[in-house]
C-alpha atoms as a PDB file:
ATOM      1  CA  UNK A   1     239.224  47.189 -37.804  1.00  0.00           C
ATOM      2  CA  UNK A   2     239.073  49.279 -40.984  1.00  0.00           C
ATOM      3  CA  UNK A   3     236.611  48.258 -43.541  1.00  0.00           C
ATOM      4  CA  UNK A   4     237.655  47.149 -46.846  1.00  0.00           C
ATOM      5  CA  UNK A   5     235.634  47.793 -49.834  1.00  0.00           C
ATOM      6  CA  UNK A   6     236.753  45.717 -53.099  1.00  0.00           C
ATOM      7  CA  UNK A   7     237.065  47.886 -56.209  1.00  0.00           C
ATOM      8  CA  UNK A   8     235.182  45.353 -58.282  1.00  0.00           C
ATOM      9  CA  UNK A   9     232.071  45.907 -56.052  1.00  0.00           C
ATOM     10  CA  UNK A  10     231.599  49.345 -57.286  1.00  0.00           C
ATOM     11  CA  UNK A  11     233.155  48.978 -60.644  1.00  0.00           C
ATOM     12  CA  UNK A  12     234.674  51.853 -62.802  1.00  0.00           C
ATOM     13  CA  UNK A  13     231.514  54.034 -62.777  1.00  0.00           C
ATOM     14  CA  UNK A  14     231.088  53.681 -59.153  1.00  0.00           C
ATOM     15  CA  UNK A  15     234.497  54.866 -58.569  1.00  0.00           C
ATOM     16  CA  UNK A  16     234.052  57.862 -61.033  1.00  0.00           C
ATOM     17  CA  UNK A  17     230.826  58.867 -59.171  1.00  0.00           C
ATOM     18  CA  UNK A  18     232.424  58.432 -55.675  1.00  0.00           C
ATOM     19  CA  UNK A  19     235.306  60.597 -56.884  1.00  0.00           C
ATOM     20  CA  UNK A  20     233.259  63.290 -58.578  1.00  0.00           C
ATOM     21  CA  UNK A  21     230.985  63.690 -55.288  1.00  0.00           C
ATOM     22  CA  UNK A  22     234.143  64.852 -53.617  1.00  0.00           C
ATOM     23  CA  UNK A  23     235.236  67.578 -55.795  1.00  0.00           C
ATOM     24  CA  UNK A  24     233.600  70.959 -56.879  1.00  0.00           C
ATOM     25  CA  UNK A  25     234.567  73.133 -59.687  1.00  0.00           C
ATOM     26  CA  UNK A  26     235.827  76.759 -58.324  1.00  0.00           C
ATOM     27  CA  UNK A  27     237.152  78.374 -61.725  1.00  0.00           C
ATOM     28  CA  UNK A  28     234.835  80.022 -64.041  1.00  0.00           C
ATOM     29  CA  UNK A  29     236.941  78.864 -66.768  1.00  0.00           C
ATOM     30  CA  UNK A  30     235.429  75.382 -66.093  1.00  0.00           C
ATOM     31  CA  UNK A  31     232.585  74.931 -67.928  1.00  0.00           C
ATOM     32  CA  UNK A  32     232.354  70.825 -67.908  1.00  0.00           C
ATOM     33  CA  UNK A  33     234.322  68.565 -65.627  1.00  0.00           C
ATOM     34  CA  UNK A  34     233.997  65.114 -64.712  1.00  0.00           C
ATOM     35  CA  UNK A  35     230.962  62.946 -66.228  1.00  0.00           C
ATOM     36  CA  UNK A  36     231.282  63.447 -70.022  1.00  0.00           C
ATOM     37  CA  UNK A  37     233.686  62.255 -72.784  1.00  0.00           C
ATOM     38  CA  UNK A  38     235.659  65.372 -72.218  1.00  0.00           C
ATOM     39  CA  UNK A  39     236.298  68.233 -70.449  1.00  0.00           C
ATOM     40  CA  UNK A  40     235.337  71.854 -71.483  1.00  0.00           C
ATOM     41  CA  UNK A  41     237.463  74.735 -70.452  1.00  0.00           C
ATOM     42  CA  UNK A  42     236.974  78.231 -71.886  1.00  0.00           C
ATOM     43  CA  UNK A  43     240.172  79.984 -72.274  1.00  0.00           C
ATOM     44  CA  UNK A  44     238.681  83.596 -73.114  1.00  0.00           C
ATOM     45  CA  UNK A  45     241.568  84.368 -75.350  1.00  0.00           C
ATOM     46  CA  UNK A  46     244.218  83.548 -72.844  1.00  0.00           C
ATOM     47  CA  UNK A  47     247.205  80.913 -73.321  1.00  0.00           C
ATOM     48  CA  UNK A  48     246.448  77.580 -72.102  1.00  0.00           C
ATOM     49  CA  UNK A  49     249.294  75.952 -70.717  1.00  0.00           C
ATOM     50  CA  UNK A  50     249.225  72.072 -70.300  1.00  0.00           C
ATOM     51  CA  UNK A  51     251.814  69.857 -68.420  1.00  0.00           C
ATOM     52  CA  UNK A  52     251.709  66.000 -67.742  1.00  0.00           C
ATOM     53  CA  UNK A  53     253.776  64.144 -65.356  1.00  0.00           C
ATOM     54  CA  UNK A  54     253.539  60.059 -64.949  1.00  0.00           C
ATOM     55  CA  UNK A  55     254.472  58.773 -61.451  1.00  0.00           C
ATOM     56  CA  UNK A  56     255.310  55.078 -61.447  1.00  0.00           C
ATOM     57  CA  UNK A  57     255.508  52.755 -58.428  1.00  0.00           C
ATOM     58  CA  UNK A  58     258.936  51.503 -57.970  1.00  0.00           C
ATOM     59  CA  UNK A  59     260.336  54.383 -59.980  1.00  0.00           C
ATOM     60  CA  UNK A  60     259.138  57.394 -58.500  1.00  0.00           C
ATOM     61  CA  UNK A  61     257.575  56.356 -55.190  1.00  0.00           C
ATOM     62  CA  UNK A  62     257.803  53.545 -52.677  1.00  0.00           C
ATOM     63  CA  UNK A  63     254.675  52.720 -50.826  1.00  0.00           C
ATOM     64  CA  UNK A  64     256.532  51.137 -47.991  1.00  0.00           C
ATOM     65  CA  UNK A  65     257.137  54.520 -46.526  1.00  0.00           C
ATOM     66  CA  UNK A  66     254.885  56.746 -48.840  1.00  0.00           C
ATOM     67  CA  UNK A  67     251.276  57.362 -47.509  1.00  0.00           C
ATOM     68  CA  UNK A  68     248.761  57.466 -50.037  1.00  0.00           C
ATOM     69  CA  UNK A  69     247.419  60.867 -48.749  1.00  0.00           C
ATOM     70  CA  UNK A  70     250.847  62.223 -49.312  1.00  0.00           C
ATOM     71  CA  UNK A  71     251.493  60.711 -52.735  1.00  0.00           C
ATOM     72  CA  UNK A  72     248.261  62.178 -54.026  1.00  0.00           C
ATOM     73  CA  UNK A  73     249.224  65.752 -52.736  1.00  0.00           C
ATOM     74  CA  UNK A  74     252.618  65.346 -54.209  1.00  0.00           C
ATOM     75  CA  UNK A  75     251.377  64.187 -57.470  1.00  0.00           C
ATOM     76  CA  UNK A  76     249.158  67.173 -57.907  1.00  0.00           C
ATOM     77  CA  UNK A  77     252.011  69.572 -56.447  1.00  0.00           C
ATOM     78  CA  UNK A  78     254.671  68.505 -58.945  1.00  0.00           C
ATOM     79  CA  UNK A  79     252.472  69.148 -61.933  1.00  0.00           C
ATOM     80  CA  UNK A  80     251.399  72.524 -60.584  1.00  0.00           C
ATOM     81  CA  UNK A  81     255.093  73.490 -60.135  1.00  0.00           C
ATOM     82  CA  UNK A  82     255.427  72.758 -63.782  1.00  0.00           C
ATOM     83  CA  UNK A  83     252.566  75.423 -64.510  1.00  0.00           C
ATOM     84  CA  UNK A  84     254.379  77.723 -62.055  1.00  0.00           C
ATOM     85  CA  UNK A  85     257.745  77.530 -63.962  1.00  0.00           C
ATOM     86  CA  UNK A  86     255.749  78.932 -67.026  1.00  0.00           C
ATOM     87  CA  UNK A  87     254.465  81.989 -64.687  1.00  0.00           C
ATOM     88  CA  UNK A  88     251.120  80.709 -65.624  1.00  0.00           C
ATOM     89  CA  UNK A  89     248.261  80.164 -63.060  1.00  0.00           C
ATOM     90  CA  UNK A  90     247.088  76.528 -62.627  1.00  0.00           C
ATOM     91  CA  UNK A  91     243.389  76.088 -63.260  1.00  0.00           C
ATOM     92  CA  UNK A  92     242.417  72.191 -63.815  1.00  0.00           C
ATOM     93  CA  UNK A  93     244.040  68.872 -63.529  1.00  0.00           C
ATOM     94  CA  UNK A  94     242.851  65.526 -64.611  1.00  0.00           C
ATOM     95  CA  UNK A  95     244.277  62.422 -62.877  1.00  0.00           C
ATOM     96  CA  UNK A  96     244.398  59.047 -64.423  1.00  0.00           C
ATOM     97  CA  UNK A  97     245.007  55.486 -62.242  1.00  0.00           C
ATOM     98  CA  UNK A  98     246.679  52.347 -62.992  1.00  0.00           C
ATOM     99  CA  UNK A  99     245.348  49.983 -60.075  1.00  0.00           C
ATOM    100  CA  UNK A 100     246.064  46.345 -58.959  1.00  0.00           C
ATOM    101  CA  UNK A 101     243.452  44.382 -57.129  1.00  0.00           C
ATOM    102  CA  UNK A 102     245.781  45.072 -54.054  1.00  0.00           C
ATOM    103  CA  UNK A 103     244.117  48.516 -53.690  1.00  0.00           C
ATOM    104  CA  UNK A 104     240.807  48.736 -51.699  1.00  0.00           C
ATOM    105  CA  UNK A 105     238.104  51.648 -52.410  1.00  0.00           C
ATOM    106  CA  UNK A 106     239.443  52.948 -48.950  1.00  0.00           C
ATOM    107  CA  UNK A 107     242.994  53.100 -50.322  1.00  0.00           C
ATOM    108  CA  UNK A 108     241.768  54.987 -53.312  1.00  0.00           C
ATOM    109  CA  UNK A 109     239.897  57.467 -50.998  1.00  0.00           C
ATOM    110  CA  UNK A 110     242.928  58.239 -49.085  1.00  0.00           C
ATOM    111  CA  UNK A 111     244.967  58.818 -52.495  1.00  0.00           C
ATOM    112  CA  UNK A 112     242.028  61.255 -53.576  1.00  0.00           C
ATOM    113  CA  UNK A 113     242.032  62.911 -50.116  1.00  0.00           C
ATOM    114  CA  UNK A 114     245.569  64.052 -50.680  1.00  0.00           C
ATOM    115  CA  UNK A 115     244.573  64.986 -54.056  1.00  0.00           C
ATOM    116  CA  UNK A 116     241.838  67.194 -52.825  1.00  0.00           C
ATOM    117  CA  UNK A 117     243.825  69.014 -50.235  1.00  0.00           C
ATOM    118  CA  UNK A 118     246.419  69.834 -52.945  1.00  0.00           C
ATOM    119  CA  UNK A 119     243.256  70.887 -55.339  1.00  0.00           C
ATOM    120  CA  UNK A 120     242.181  73.199 -52.484  1.00  0.00           C
ATOM    121  CA  UNK A 121     245.474  74.412 -51.606  1.00  0.00           C
ATOM    122  CA  UNK A 122     246.314  75.614 -55.305  1.00  0.00           C
ATOM    123  CA  UNK A 123     242.874  76.421 -56.221  1.00  0.00           C
ATOM    124  CA  UNK A 124     242.535  73.909 -59.201  1.00  0.00           C
ATOM    125  CA  UNK A 125     239.539  71.870 -60.514  1.00  0.00           C
ATOM    126  CA  UNK A 126     239.434  68.197 -60.998  1.00  0.00           C
ATOM    127  CA  UNK A 127     237.920  67.891 -64.343  1.00  0.00           C
ATOM    128  CA  UNK A 128     238.395  64.191 -65.317  1.00  0.00           C
ATOM    129  CA  UNK A 129     240.742  61.338 -65.934  1.00  0.00           C
ATOM    130  CA  UNK A 130     240.823  57.611 -66.515  1.00  0.00           C
ATOM    131  CA  UNK A 131     241.209  54.356 -64.591  1.00  0.00           C
ATOM    132  CA  UNK A 132     242.699  50.941 -65.600  1.00  0.00           C
ATOM    133  CA  UNK A 133     243.822  47.952 -64.169  1.00  0.00           C
ATOM    134  CA  UNK A 134     247.398  47.485 -63.769  1.00  0.00           C
ATOM    135  CA  UNK A 135     249.882  44.497 -63.258  1.00  0.00           C
ATOM    136  CA  UNK A 136     252.826  46.695 -62.371  1.00  0.00           C
ATOM    137  CA  UNK A 137     251.776  48.473 -59.223  1.00  0.00           C
ATOM    138  CA  UNK A 138     250.201  51.980 -58.906  1.00  0.00           C
ATOM    139  CA  UNK A 139     250.694  54.202 -61.675  1.00  0.00           C
ATOM    140  CA  UNK A 140     249.466  57.830 -61.440  1.00  0.00           C
ATOM    141  CA  UNK A 141     249.222  60.301 -64.456  1.00  0.00           C
ATOM    142  CA  UNK A 142     248.249  64.015 -63.956  1.00  0.00           C
ATOM    143  CA  UNK A 143     247.918  66.332 -66.475  1.00  0.00           C
ATOM    144  CA  UNK A 144     247.747  70.080 -65.273  1.00  0.00           C
ATOM    145  CA  UNK A 145     246.294  73.067 -66.954  1.00  0.00           C
ATOM    146  CA  UNK A 146     246.898  76.726 -66.578  1.00  0.00           C
ATOM    147  CA  UNK A 147     246.310  80.129 -67.931  1.00  0.00           C
ATOM    148  CA  UNK A 148     248.090  83.083 -68.555  1.00  0.00           C
ATOM    149  CA  UNK A 149     248.640  86.386 -70.538  1.00  0.00           C
ATOM    150  CA  UNK A 150     250.801  85.903 -73.602  1.00  0.00           C
ATOM    151  CA  UNK A 151     252.826  89.001 -72.344  1.00  0.00           C
ATOM    152  CA  UNK A 152     253.473  86.987 -68.928  1.00  0.00           C
ATOM    153  CA  UNK A 153     254.526  83.616 -70.282  1.00  0.00           C
ATOM    154  CA  UNK A 154     258.128  82.595 -69.120  1.00  0.00           C
ATOM    155  CA  UNK A 155     259.972  79.951 -71.135  1.00  0.00           C
ATOM    156  CA  UNK A 156     263.566  78.273 -70.736  1.00  0.00           C
ATOM    157  CA  UNK A 157     265.184  79.902 -73.512  1.00  0.00           C
ATOM    158  CA  UNK A 158     265.090  83.531 -72.992  1.00  0.00           C
ATOM    159  CA  UNK A 159     267.739  84.143 -70.424  1.00  0.00           C
ATOM    160  CA  UNK A 160     270.225  87.019 -71.355  1.00  0.00           C
ATOM    161  CA  UNK A 161     273.931  87.606 -70.397  1.00  0.00           C
ATOM    162  CA  UNK A 162     274.167  89.483 -67.203  1.00  0.00           C
ATOM    163  CA  UNK A 163     270.568  88.612 -66.186  1.00  0.00           C
ATOM    164  CA  UNK A 164     270.725  87.583 -62.438  1.00  0.00           C
ATOM    165  CA  UNK A 165     270.061  83.812 -61.315  1.00  0.00           C
ATOM    166  CA  UNK A 166     267.528  83.548 -58.680  1.00  0.00           C
ATOM    167  CA  UNK A 167     266.182  80.537 -56.605  1.00  0.00           C
ATOM    168  CA  UNK A 168     263.258  80.074 -54.363  1.00  0.00           C
ATOM    169  CA  UNK A 169     263.701  78.254 -50.779  1.00  0.00           C
ATOM    170  CA  UNK A 170     266.437  75.795 -50.029  1.00  0.00           C
ATOM    171  CA  UNK A 171     267.969  72.819 -51.820  1.00  0.00           C
ATOM    172  CA  UNK A 172     268.836  69.467 -51.331  1.00  0.00           C
ATOM    173  CA  UNK A 173     266.325  68.608 -48.567  1.00  0.00           C
ATOM    174  CA  UNK A 174     264.103  66.163 -50.516  1.00  0.00           C
ATOM    175  CA  UNK A 175     267.077  63.905 -51.503  1.00  0.00           C
ATOM    176  CA  UNK A 176     268.384  63.715 -47.855  1.00  0.00           C
ATOM    177  CA  UNK A 177     264.761  63.010 -46.927  1.00  0.00           C
ATOM    178  CA  UNK A 178     264.535  60.029 -49.323  1.00  0.00           C
ATOM    179  CA  UNK A 179     268.189  58.690 -48.115  1.00  0.00           C
ATOM    180  CA  UNK A 180     266.750  58.752 -44.448  1.00  0.00           C
ATOM    181  CA  UNK A 181     263.392  57.057 -45.568  1.00  0.00           C
ATOM    182  CA  UNK A 182     265.595  54.287 -47.759  1.00  0.00           C
ATOM    183  CA  UNK A 183     267.937  54.012 -44.894  1.00  0.00           C
ATOM    184  CA  UNK A 184     264.984  53.034 -42.313  1.00  0.00           C
ATOM    185  CA  UNK A 185     263.357  50.617 -44.756  1.00  0.00           C
ATOM    186  CA  UNK A 186     266.512  48.586 -45.130  1.00  0.00           C
ATOM    187  CA  UNK A 187     266.628  48.610 -41.510  1.00  0.00           C
ATOM    188  CA  UNK A 188     263.005  47.425 -41.249  1.00  0.00           C
ATOM    189  CA  UNK A 189     263.666  44.751 -43.994  1.00  0.00           C
ATOM    190  CA  UNK A 190     266.513  43.462 -41.898  1.00  0.00           C
ATOM    191  CA  UNK A 191     264.881  43.451 -38.583  1.00  0.00           C
ATOM    192  CA  UNK A 192     260.926  44.033 -38.670  1.00  0.00           C
ATOM    193  CA  UNK A 193     260.931  44.507 -34.838  1.00  0.00           C
ATOM    194  CA  UNK A 194     262.842  47.547 -35.121  1.00  0.00           C
ATOM    195  CA  UNK A 195     261.131  50.925 -34.674  1.00  0.00           C
ATOM    196  CA  UNK A 196     261.873  53.470 -37.482  1.00  0.00           C
ATOM    197  CA  UNK A 197     264.226  56.532 -36.364  1.00  0.00           C
ATOM    198  CA  UNK A 198     262.405  59.327 -37.614  1.00  0.00           C
ATOM    199  CA  UNK A 199     262.923  61.762 -34.727  1.00  0.00           C
ATOM    200  CA  UNK A 200     261.553  65.119 -34.966  1.00  0.00           C
ATOM    201  CA  UNK A 201     265.008  66.469 -36.290  1.00  0.00           C
ATOM    202  CA  UNK A 202     264.483  64.724 -39.438  1.00  0.00           C
ATOM    203  CA  UNK A 203     260.679  65.920 -39.990  1.00  0.00           C
ATOM    204  CA  UNK A 204     261.779  69.117 -42.231  1.00  0.00           C
ATOM    205  CA  UNK A 205     263.597  66.702 -44.655  1.00  0.00           C
ATOM    206  CA  UNK A 206     261.311  63.812 -44.794  1.00  0.00           C
ATOM    207  CA  UNK A 207     258.412  66.157 -45.407  1.00  0.00           C
ATOM    208  CA  UNK A 208     260.148  67.911 -48.186  1.00  0.00           C
ATOM    209  CA  UNK A 209     260.440  64.514 -49.794  1.00  0.00           C
ATOM    210  CA  UNK A 210     256.875  62.996 -49.100  1.00  0.00           C
ATOM    211  CA  UNK A 211     254.970  66.395 -49.336  1.00  0.00           C
ATOM    212  CA  UNK A 212     256.759  69.127 -51.414  1.00  0.00           C
ATOM    213  CA  UNK A 213     255.182  72.535 -52.155  1.00  0.00           C
ATOM    214  CA  UNK A 214     254.666  73.875 -55.719  1.00  0.00           C
ATOM    215  CA  UNK A 215     255.817  77.804 -55.326  1.00  0.00           C
ATOM    216  CA  UNK A 216     252.809  79.402 -56.454  1.00  0.00           C
ATOM    217  CA  UNK A 217     253.603  81.983 -53.918  1.00  0.00           C
ATOM    218  CA  UNK A 218     256.632  83.152 -55.625  1.00  0.00           C
ATOM    219  CA  UNK A 219     254.348  83.423 -58.884  1.00  0.00           C
ATOM    220  CA  UNK A 220     251.972  85.601 -56.985  1.00  0.00           C
ATOM    221  CA  UNK A 221     254.664  87.844 -55.203  1.00  0.00           C
ATOM    222  CA  UNK A 222     256.547  88.595 -58.796  1.00  0.00           C
ATOM    223  CA  UNK A 223     253.168  89.551 -60.357  1.00  0.00           C
ATOM    224  CA  UNK A 224     252.356  91.783 -57.243  1.00  0.00           C
ATOM    225  CA  UNK A 225     255.800  93.381 -57.893  1.00  0.00           C
ATOM    226  CA  UNK A 226     255.304  93.799 -61.727  1.00  0.00           C
ATOM    227  CA  UNK A 227     258.555  91.632 -62.315  1.00  0.00           C
ATOM    228  CA  UNK A 228     258.430  89.030 -65.349  1.00  0.00           C
ATOM    229  CA  UNK A 229     261.317  86.525 -65.139  1.00  0.00           C
ATOM    230  CA  UNK A 230     263.447  86.405 -68.322  1.00  0.00           C
ATOM    231  CA  UNK A 231     263.547  82.521 -67.907  1.00  0.00           C
ATOM    232  CA  UNK A 232     262.501  79.928 -65.498  1.00  0.00           C
ATOM    233  CA  UNK A 233     262.487  76.085 -64.571  1.00  0.00           C
ATOM    234  CA  UNK A 234     261.444  74.263 -61.651  1.00  0.00           C
ATOM    235  CA  UNK A 235     263.919  72.090 -59.921  1.00  0.00           C
ATOM    236  CA  UNK A 236     262.899  68.598 -60.402  1.00  0.00           C
ATOM    237  CA  UNK A 237     266.430  66.902 -61.344  1.00  0.00           C
ATOM    238  CA  UNK A 238     268.709  68.956 -59.064  1.00  0.00           C
ATOM    239  CA  UNK A 239     270.142  72.754 -59.250  1.00  0.00           C
ATOM    240  CA  UNK A 240     273.020  71.527 -61.513  1.00  0.00           C
ATOM    241  CA  UNK A 241     270.860  70.108 -64.244  1.00  0.00           C
ATOM    242  CA  UNK A 242     268.095  72.493 -64.393  1.00  0.00           C
ATOM    243  CA  UNK A 243     270.783  75.567 -64.573  1.00  0.00           C
ATOM    244  CA  UNK A 244     272.499  73.537 -67.575  1.00  0.00           C
ATOM    245  CA  UNK A 245     268.879  73.285 -69.194  1.00  0.00           C
ATOM    246  CA  UNK A 246     268.232  77.205 -68.946  1.00  0.00           C
ATOM    247  CA  UNK A 247     271.974  77.731 -70.258  1.00  0.00           C
ATOM    248  CA  UNK A 248     271.755  75.194 -73.150  1.00  0.00           C
ATOM    249  CA  UNK A 249     268.244  76.330 -74.303  1.00  0.00           C
ATOM    250  CA  UNK A 250     269.175  80.281 -73.849  1.00  0.00           C
ATOM    251  CA  UNK A 251     272.711  79.728 -75.635  1.00  0.00           C
ATOM    252  CA  UNK A 252     274.434  81.425 -72.528  1.00  0.00           C
ATOM    253  CA  UNK A 253     276.646  80.165 -69.666  1.00  0.00           C
ATOM    254  CA  UNK A 254     276.462  81.112 -66.088  1.00  0.00           C
ATOM    255  CA  UNK A 255     278.504  81.717 -62.977  1.00  0.00           C
ATOM    256  CA  UNK A 256     276.992  80.855 -59.686  1.00  0.00           C
ATOM    257  CA  UNK A 257     278.608  80.824 -56.512  1.00  0.00           C
ATOM    258  CA  UNK A 258     278.903  78.045 -53.521  1.00  0.00           C
ATOM    259  CA  UNK A 259     278.293  80.475 -50.676  1.00  0.00           C
ATOM    260  CA  UNK A 260     274.969  81.612 -52.291  1.00  0.00           C
ATOM    261  CA  UNK A 261     273.240  78.173 -52.565  1.00  0.00           C
ATOM    262  CA  UNK A 262     270.631  77.782 -49.741  1.00  0.00           C
ATOM    263  CA  UNK A 263     270.780  74.782 -47.757  1.00  0.00           C
ATOM    264  CA  UNK A 264     268.345  74.285 -44.666  1.00  0.00           C
ATOM    265  CA  UNK A 265     270.240  73.582 -41.287  1.00  0.00           C
ATOM    266  CA  UNK A 266     268.573  70.301 -41.088  1.00  0.00           C
ATOM    267  CA  UNK A 267     269.501  69.237 -44.633  1.00  0.00           C
ATOM    268  CA  UNK A 268     273.307  70.074 -43.660  1.00  0.00           C
ATOM    269  CA  UNK A 269     273.251  68.161 -40.322  1.00  0.00           C
ATOM    270  CA  UNK A 270     271.272  64.914 -41.761  1.00  0.00           C
ATOM    271  CA  UNK A 271     273.758  64.947 -44.902  1.00  0.00           C
ATOM    272  CA  UNK A 272     276.656  65.206 -42.660  1.00  0.00           C
ATOM    273  CA  UNK A 273     275.151  62.289 -40.727  1.00  0.00           C
ATOM    274  CA  UNK A 274     274.664  60.288 -43.579  1.00  0.00           C
ATOM    275  CA  UNK A 275     278.420  60.970 -44.551  1.00  0.00           C
ATOM    276  CA  UNK A 276     276.938  62.886 -47.602  1.00  0.00           C
ATOM    277  CA  UNK A 277     278.118  66.093 -49.105  1.00  0.00           C
ATOM    278  CA  UNK A 278     275.002  68.744 -48.510  1.00  0.00           C
ATOM    279  CA  UNK A 279     276.377  70.462 -51.529  1.00  0.00           C
ATOM    280  CA  UNK A 280     276.159  67.615 -53.806  1.00  0.00           C
ATOM    281  CA  UNK A 281     272.733  67.187 -52.399  1.00  0.00           C
ATOM    282  CA  UNK A 282     271.664  70.627 -53.187  1.00  0.00           C
ATOM    283  CA  UNK A 283     273.308  70.443 -56.717  1.00  0.00           C
ATOM    284  CA  UNK A 284     272.212  66.745 -57.591  1.00  0.00           C
ATOM    285  CA  UNK A 285     269.425  65.778 -55.563  1.00  0.00           C
ATOM    286  CA  UNK A 286     266.457  66.756 -57.081  1.00  0.00           C
ATOM    287  CA  UNK A 287     262.808  66.646 -56.158  1.00  0.00           C
ATOM    288  CA  UNK A 288     262.893  70.049 -54.161  1.00  0.00           C
ATOM    289  CA  UNK A 289     260.629  71.679 -56.849  1.00  0.00           C
ATOM    290  CA  UNK A 290     261.593  75.280 -56.086  1.00  0.00           C
ATOM    291  CA  UNK A 291     261.522  77.812 -58.692  1.00  0.00           C
ATOM    292  CA  UNK A 292     264.711  78.651 -60.573  1.00  0.00           C
ATOM    293  CA  UNK A 293     264.571  81.761 -62.837  1.00  0.00           C
ATOM    294  CA  UNK A 294     266.581  84.768 -64.062  1.00  0.00           C
ATOM    295  CA  UNK A 295     265.885  88.514 -63.849  1.00  0.00           C
ATOM    296  CA  UNK A 296     267.027  91.617 -65.640  1.00  0.00           C
ATOM    297  CA  UNK A 297     269.810  93.570 -63.689  1.00  0.00           C
ATOM    298  CA  UNK A 298     267.373  96.519 -63.215  1.00  0.00           C
ATOM    299  CA  UNK A 299     264.809  94.244 -61.721  1.00  0.00           C
ATOM    300  CA  UNK A 300     267.014  93.510 -58.768  1.00  0.00           C
ATOM    301  CA  UNK A 301     266.088  96.357 -56.664  1.00  0.00           C
ATOM    302  CA  UNK A 302     262.515  95.555 -56.957  1.00  0.00           C
ATOM    303  CA  UNK A 303     262.940  91.894 -56.005  1.00  0.00           C
ATOM    304  CA  UNK A 304     265.964  92.282 -53.496  1.00  0.00           C
ATOM    305  CA  UNK A 305     263.656  91.960 -50.588  1.00  0.00           C
ATOM    306  CA  UNK A 306     261.583  89.074 -51.568  1.00  0.00           C
ATOM    307  CA  UNK A 307     261.178  86.589 -49.067  1.00  0.00           C
ATOM    308  CA  UNK A 308     262.681  83.290 -49.390  1.00  0.00           C
ATOM    309  CA  UNK A 309     264.817  84.068 -52.642  1.00  0.00           C
ATOM    310  CA  UNK A 310     268.334  83.480 -53.060  1.00  0.00           C
ATOM    311  CA  UNK A 311     270.551  85.316 -55.676  1.00  0.00           C
ATOM    312  CA  UNK A 312     272.827  82.530 -56.790  1.00  0.00           C
ATOM    313  CA  UNK A 313     274.831  84.171 -59.540  1.00  0.00           C
ATOM    314  CA  UNK A 314     274.336  85.528 -63.263  1.00  0.00           C
ATOM    315  CA  UNK A 315     274.504  84.712 -66.832  1.00  0.00           C
ATOM    316  CA  UNK A 316     277.374  84.789 -69.010  1.00  0.00           C
ATOM    317  CA  UNK A 317     278.092  84.687 -72.773  1.00  0.00           C
ATOM    318  CA  UNK A 318     280.400  81.634 -72.099  1.00  0.00           C
ATOM    319  CA  UNK A 319     278.429  79.061 -74.050  1.00  0.00           C
ATOM    320  CA  UNK A 320     280.577  76.185 -72.819  1.00  0.00           C
ATOM    321  CA  UNK A 321     278.537  76.058 -69.534  1.00  0.00           C
ATOM    322  CA  UNK A 322     278.056  76.488 -65.859  1.00  0.00           C
ATOM    323  CA  UNK A 323     280.720  77.547 -63.560  1.00  0.00           C
ATOM    324  CA  UNK A 324     280.823  77.352 -59.983  1.00  0.00           C
ATOM    325  CA  UNK A 325     282.776  79.561 -57.889  1.00  0.00           C
ATOM    326  CA  UNK A 326     283.834  77.653 -54.698  1.00  0.00           C
ATOM    327  CA  UNK A 327     284.260  79.391 -51.266  1.00  0.00           C
ATOM    328  CA  UNK A 328     288.207  78.848 -51.945  1.00  0.00           C
ATOM    329  CA  UNK A 329     287.977  81.198 -55.014  1.00  0.00           C
ATOM    330  CA  UNK A 330     288.352  77.964 -57.380  1.00  0.00           C
ATOM    331  CA  UNK A 331     286.144  77.914 -60.300  1.00  0.00           C
ATOM    332  CA  UNK A 332     284.970  74.596 -61.327  1.00  0.00           C
ATOM    333  CA  UNK A 333     282.729  73.346 -64.138  1.00  0.00           C
ATOM    334  CA  UNK A 334     279.177  71.955 -63.349  1.00  0.00           C
ATOM    335  CA  UNK A 335     278.566  69.213 -65.374  1.00  0.00           C
ATOM    336  CA  UNK A 336     275.704  67.050 -63.741  1.00  0.00           C
ATOM    337  CA  UNK A 337     273.250  65.370 -66.190  1.00  0.00           C
ATOM    338  CA  UNK A 338     270.866  65.174 -63.630  1.00  0.00           C
ATOM    339  CA  UNK A 339     268.158  62.257 -63.014  1.00  0.00           C
ATOM    340  CA  UNK A 340     268.063  59.891 -65.815  1.00  0.00           C
ATOM    341  CA  UNK A 341     265.026  58.077 -66.473  1.00  0.00           C
ATOM    342  CA  UNK A 342     266.179  55.271 -68.672  1.00  0.00           C
END
């Protein structure tokens, strides 16, 4: 039988000490981490990039099918993804939690185990945070800090007409994974004796939902090739929403081609099984956390052999928006608003 230690037995400072004992700073920029009123980070004249995400139980995650270790990892990854989208290198994070008394010390340790795995993978230091009681379930707020030379920073509003539109990885898998998990939850609620149907043929899409990866590998590969994107954003709310963001911010339009949008075979098969359009999942699903970026025409030869990169289309001077060229040759407007938080 698993032991359960109540949070009240160790208190806030005991919890901070427990967390601090599991993390060691590895970046020279980290002067002071957990244990004081604030962290101290030496930027050495470089640009400091900061991003914060808030994850709310019942809105952004469901603990009925989300293991706490996976949740900890994902919470870090989605923040690192924001730093990657600025073409910066993540260095530190802070983690703040809102906790109800239904969580034991062991449960929080499991959450932080996932956080530590992500910290190790992305080479970031946990330097602080906060904890508070919560009456509305688990709340996770993570702030990520990264650095970059000023010349390497990439924004959303700097794409140009005729730039090539690129995307990493494949799209729609996280959304389809979510639909499968939600379906199995409803089956379980209707009949708790039913075993979940999470066969091996569903493992990829489920992992994409529960444990997405921040594409720092793409950032490092672009740096090795000496290519700086003209604009970049990560795909949290779906391809359609993000490319509309790039166009609106940059004062451009875009044309993308249906047959260039990358969809994994398992995503396609599972979407079909759910009677859902794979293309709709790719365009509007969200939570893929791939990088959508534009490059100059002259950089194409340099990056054309990059692994796991697809070339979707090009930016235009048509400020009316984004067009999707269907396989049939029909040109349609892309108008997805993406995920609405309120």
